[in-house]
């Protein structure tokens, strides 16, 4: 079992917003995020109950938060079925959070994604 693939929806200075399609296979999802290059055992995580998630535009939106500005993170997700079995992680996404004032104007930051 592999968890559904996550897609980047938006990134700010302190949060990474992701989206994915719900699967009937899983009753829960766990989103993990960590600074690039650190160990997954030290990752932050958030657990989401599938029945509490609401789809918008055909996708469920979740957020890795809190994050630090201007830091490169790796994010991935696993699914948990009704029996408590944990899926293999979906693909790992590498995302830079926005750095304050690094865009063409002071109100615009920058961030990039390497999948």
Foldseek 3Di string as FASTA:
>chain_A
DEDFDKDFDDFAQFKTKIKTADDPQFQKKKKWKDFPPDDSVPTDIDMDGPVPFDDDPRITMDMDGGDHGQTKMKMWMWGAGPVRDIHDIHDIKIKTHWHQCPDPGRRDTDMDIDD
